[in-house]
Amino acid sequence: MTKSLAIIELPQLALAFIPVFAVLLIQFKWRLPQRKTFSALARMLIQLLLVGFFFLVISLNQVVLR
């Protein structure tokens, strides 16, 4: 049995951001502050990129964590 990482294509990633853009649009229409939303979005993206990079390095080196 071979294990491989699932590759997320850009169209699939764009679908995941539809709810984010909906929330930003609602905040803009209701004139609510958006600074915390943008900082949370940036923090989330950085964390996801770091976790993805970590798993990529592990899978390329074929290291088994015990």
Protein backbone atom coordinates (compact mmCIF):
# COMPACT_ATOMS: atom_id res chain seq x y z
CA MET A 1 0.00 0.00 0.00
CA THR A 2 1.50 3.32 -1.03
CA LYS A 3 0.65 6.51 0.76
CA SER A 4 0.64 9.82 -1.04
CA LEU A 5 -0.34 13.37 -0.31
CA ALA A 6 -3.49 14.77 -1.84
CA ILE A 7 -2.76 17.74 -4.05
CA ILE A 8 -5.26 20.56 -3.79
CA GLU A 9 -5.64 22.39 -7.07
CA LEU A 10 -6.24 26.16 -7.20
CA PRO A 11 -9.94 25.87 -8.23
CA GLN A 12 -10.58 23.66 -5.20
CA LEU A 13 -8.73 26.11 -2.98
CA ALA A 14 -10.75 28.98 -4.41
CA LEU A 15 -13.97 27.18 -3.45
CA ALA A 16 -12.80 27.08 0.15
CA PHE A 17 -12.52 30.89 0.17
CA ILE A 18 -16.10 31.57 -0.91
CA PRO A 19 -17.38 31.69 2.71
CA VAL A 20 -14.48 33.99 3.65
CA PHE A 21 -15.39 36.44 0.90
CA ALA A 22 -19.05 36.25 1.91
CA VAL A 23 -18.17 37.22 5.50
CA LEU A 24 -15.94 40.05 4.30
CA LEU A 25 -18.73 41.31 2.04
CA ILE A 26 -21.24 41.25 4.90
CA GLN A 27 -18.81 43.09 7.17
CA PHE A 28 -18.22 45.70 4.47
CA LYS A 29 -21.95 46.19 3.80
CA TRP A 30 -22.73 46.49 7.52
CA ARG A 31 -19.72 48.80 7.98
CA LEU A 32 -18.19 46.54 10.62
CA PRO A 33 -14.44 46.60 11.34
CA GLN A 34 -12.58 44.18 9.08
CA ARG A 35 -9.08 44.42 10.50
CA LYS A 36 -9.44 41.43 12.84
CA THR A 37 -10.91 39.36 10.03
CA PHE A 38 -7.95 40.09 7.75
CA SER A 39 -5.43 39.35 10.49
CA ALA A 40 -7.20 36.09 11.35
CA LEU A 41 -7.25 35.12 7.68
CA ALA A 42 -3.54 35.84 7.32
CA ARG A 43 -2.75 33.88 10.50
CA MET A 44 -4.82 30.94 9.26
CA LEU A 45 -3.08 30.91 5.88
CA ILE A 46 0.38 31.05 7.46
CA GLN A 47 -0.46 28.19 9.82
CA LEU A 48 -1.86 26.06 7.00
CA LEU A 49 1.19 26.71 4.83
CA LEU A 50 3.54 25.77 7.67
CA VAL A 51 1.66 22.55 8.42
CA GLY A 52 1.53 21.67 4.72
CA PHE A 53 5.25 22.34 4.34
CA PHE A 54 5.98 20.20 7.42
CA PHE A 55 4.02 17.26 6.02
CA LEU A 56 5.61 17.70 2.61
CA VAL A 57 9.10 17.52 4.11
CA ILE A 58 8.15 14.44 6.10
CA SER A 59 6.68 12.69 3.07
CA LEU A 60 9.67 13.53 0.84
CA ASN A 61 12.16 12.27 3.41
CA GLN A 62 10.02 9.26 4.26
CA VAL A 63 10.56 9.81 7.96
CA VAL A 64 8.41 7.77 10.30
CA LEU A 65 7.46 9.56 13.51
CA ARG A 66 7.24 7.36 16.57
